[in-house]
Amino acid sequence: MQAQFHWIAASTSAHCDTFKSLLLEYASSDLADAKNSSIWADIAQLPGRYAPPSGRVLLAYRGCELAGCAAFVASCQTGLAEIKRVYVRAQF
């Protein structure tokens, strides 16, 4: 049976804190070159470039369990976005 996920658009400071915790979890476990990653600047400036209207953070849940996240930022072309910071916890 395939897992069913639902997405929540981050809209509160608590959502931003959840996104930050997922980014820290990812950074501490899976970055090949963590010292030189831009993730640290993103974390320090949250919501930064991921804030509406030019960006958005999405949190993924399966049931009540936090499964992962994704974010997007506007590209230089109108109407297009770049997907960033996609992370899914190993158990999902």
C-alpha atoms as a PDB file:
ATOM      1  CA  MET A   1       0.000   0.000   0.000  1.00  0.00           C
ATOM      2  CA  GLN A   2       1.337   3.391  -0.952  1.00  0.00           C
ATOM      3  CA  ALA A   3       1.762   6.027   1.756  1.00  0.00           C
ATOM      4  CA  GLN A   4      -0.638   8.966   1.580  1.00  0.00           C
ATOM      5  CA  PHE A   5       0.832  12.356   2.395  1.00  0.00           C
ATOM      6  CA  HIS A   6      -0.822  15.696   2.831  1.00  0.00           C
ATOM      7  CA  TRP A   7       0.915  19.033   2.518  1.00  0.00           C
ATOM      8  CA  ILE A   8       0.507  22.111   4.663  1.00  0.00           C
ATOM      9  CA  ALA A   9       1.640  25.514   3.426  1.00  0.00           C
ATOM     10  CA  ALA A  10       3.685  27.057   6.234  1.00  0.00           C
ATOM     11  CA  SER A  11       1.910  30.166   7.463  1.00  0.00           C
ATOM     12  CA  THR A  12       2.840  30.539  11.142  1.00  0.00           C
ATOM     13  CA  SER A  13       6.007  30.966  13.165  1.00  0.00           C
ATOM     14  CA  ALA A  14       5.475  27.419  14.489  1.00  0.00           C
ATOM     15  CA  HIS A  15       5.510  26.120  10.903  1.00  0.00           C
ATOM     16  CA  CYS A  16       8.734  28.052  10.294  1.00  0.00           C
ATOM     17  CA  ASP A  17      10.252  26.469  13.415  1.00  0.00           C
ATOM     18  CA  THR A  18       9.218  23.030  12.156  1.00  0.00           C
ATOM     19  CA  PHE A  19      10.819  23.724   8.784  1.00  0.00           C
ATOM     20  CA  LYS A  20      13.989  24.894  10.545  1.00  0.00           C
ATOM     21  CA  SER A  21      14.127  21.712  12.631  1.00  0.00           C
ATOM     22  CA  LEU A  22      13.838  19.592   9.485  1.00  0.00           C
ATOM     23  CA  LEU A  23      16.597  21.561   7.771  1.00  0.00           C
ATOM     24  CA  LEU A  24      18.845  21.084  10.809  1.00  0.00           C
ATOM     25  CA  GLU A  25      18.016  17.379  10.870  1.00  0.00           C
ATOM     26  CA  TYR A  26      18.928  17.079   7.203  1.00  0.00           C
ATOM     27  CA  ALA A  27      22.092  19.151   7.552  1.00  0.00           C
ATOM     28  CA  SER A  28      23.346  17.088  10.465  1.00  0.00           C
ATOM     29  CA  SER A  29      22.767  13.768   8.755  1.00  0.00           C
ATOM     30  CA  ASP A  30      23.180  13.979   5.022  1.00  0.00           C
ATOM     31  CA  LEU A  31      25.246  16.846   3.661  1.00  0.00           C
ATOM     32  CA  ALA A  32      28.378  15.741   1.859  1.00  0.00           C
ATOM     33  CA  ASP A  33      30.016  19.144   2.402  1.00  0.00           C
ATOM     34  CA  ALA A  34      28.043  20.631   5.289  1.00  0.00           C
ATOM     35  CA  LYS A  35      30.604  23.317   6.066  1.00  0.00           C
ATOM     36  CA  ASN A  36      30.233  24.910   2.624  1.00  0.00           C
ATOM     37  CA  SER A  37      26.503  24.447   2.125  1.00  0.00           C
ATOM     38  CA  SER A  38      24.160  27.392   1.620  1.00  0.00           C
ATOM     39  CA  ILE A  39      21.717  25.726   4.005  1.00  0.00           C
ATOM     40  CA  TRP A  40      23.237  27.607   6.945  1.00  0.00           C
ATOM     41  CA  ALA A  41      22.452  30.998   5.394  1.00  0.00           C
ATOM     42  CA  ASP A  42      18.925  29.824   4.645  1.00  0.00           C
ATOM     43  CA  ILE A  43      18.439  28.673   8.247  1.00  0.00           C
ATOM     44  CA  ALA A  44      19.818  31.925   9.661  1.00  0.00           C
ATOM     45  CA  GLN A  45      17.499  34.029   7.486  1.00  0.00           C
ATOM     46  CA  LEU A  46      14.243  32.042   7.740  1.00  0.00           C
ATOM     47  CA  PRO A  47      11.756  32.567   6.309  1.00  0.00           C
ATOM     48  CA  GLY A  48      13.957  34.699   4.052  1.00  0.00           C
ATOM     49  CA  ARG A  49      13.670  33.813   0.376  1.00  0.00           C
ATOM     50  CA  TYR A  50      11.019  31.204   1.151  1.00  0.00           C
ATOM     51  CA  ALA A  51       8.501  33.789   2.404  1.00  0.00           C
ATOM     52  CA  PRO A  52       5.428  34.611   0.336  1.00  0.00           C
ATOM     53  CA  PRO A  53       4.723  36.087  -2.093  1.00  0.00           C
ATOM     54  CA  SER A  54       7.867  34.986  -3.945  1.00  0.00           C
ATOM     55  CA  GLY A  55       8.435  31.760  -2.015  1.00  0.00           C
ATOM     56  CA  ARG A  56       6.644  29.109  -0.027  1.00  0.00           C
ATOM     57  CA  VAL A  57       7.439  26.355   2.462  1.00  0.00           C
ATOM     58  CA  LEU A  58       5.433  23.137   2.438  1.00  0.00           C
ATOM     59  CA  LEU A  59       5.400  20.589   5.252  1.00  0.00           C
ATOM     60  CA  ALA A  60       4.490  16.980   4.463  1.00  0.00           C
ATOM     61  CA  TYR A  61       2.578  14.797   6.906  1.00  0.00           C
ATOM     62  CA  ARG A  62       1.408  11.215   6.909  1.00  0.00           C
ATOM     63  CA  GLY A  63      -1.450  11.185   9.342  1.00  0.00           C
ATOM     64  CA  CYS A  64      -0.200  13.254  12.278  1.00  0.00           C
ATOM     65  CA  GLU A  65       3.469  12.430  11.673  1.00  0.00           C
ATOM     66  CA  LEU A  66       5.803  15.010  10.153  1.00  0.00           C
ATOM     67  CA  ALA A  67       7.361  13.317   7.131  1.00  0.00           C
ATOM     68  CA  GLY A  68       9.345  16.027   5.368  1.00  0.00           C
ATOM     69  CA  CYS A  69       9.404  19.385   3.671  1.00  0.00           C
ATOM     70  CA  ALA A  70       9.979  21.269   0.475  1.00  0.00           C
ATOM     71  CA  ALA A  71      10.264  24.914  -0.399  1.00  0.00           C
ATOM     72  CA  PHE A  72      10.248  26.980  -3.509  1.00  0.00           C
ATOM     73  CA  VAL A  73      11.526  30.357  -4.586  1.00  0.00           C
ATOM     74  CA  ALA A  74      10.658  32.482  -7.573  1.00  0.00           C
ATOM     75  CA  SER A  75      12.966  32.138 -10.541  1.00  0.00           C
ATOM     76  CA  CYS A  76      14.050  35.030 -12.704  1.00  0.00           C
ATOM     77  CA  GLN A  77      11.360  34.026 -15.230  1.00  0.00           C
ATOM     78  CA  THR A  78       7.860  35.201 -14.357  1.00  0.00           C
ATOM     79  CA  GLY A  79       5.564  32.368 -13.386  1.00  0.00           C
ATOM     80  CA  LEU A  80       8.330  29.846 -12.689  1.00  0.00           C
ATOM     81  CA  ALA A  81       9.733  28.635  -9.385  1.00  0.00           C
ATOM     82  CA  GLU A  82      12.710  26.605  -8.253  1.00  0.00           C
ATOM     83  CA  ILE A  83      12.098  23.745  -5.829  1.00  0.00           C
ATOM     84  CA  LYS A  84      14.511  23.828  -2.896  1.00  0.00           C
ATOM     85  CA  ARG A  85      15.153  22.069   0.412  1.00  0.00           C
ATOM     86  CA  VAL A  86      13.315  18.852  -0.347  1.00  0.00           C
ATOM     87  CA  TYR A  87      13.780  16.483   2.576  1.00  0.00           C
ATOM     88  CA  VAL A  88      11.928  13.304   3.528  1.00  0.00           C
ATOM     89  CA  ARG A  89      12.682  11.547   6.786  1.00  0.00           C
ATOM     90  CA  ALA A  90      14.143   8.065   6.368  1.00  0.00           C
ATOM     91  CA  GLN A  91      11.189   6.286   7.957  1.00  0.00           C
ATOM     92  CA  PHE A  92       8.959   7.600   5.168  1.00  0.00           C
END
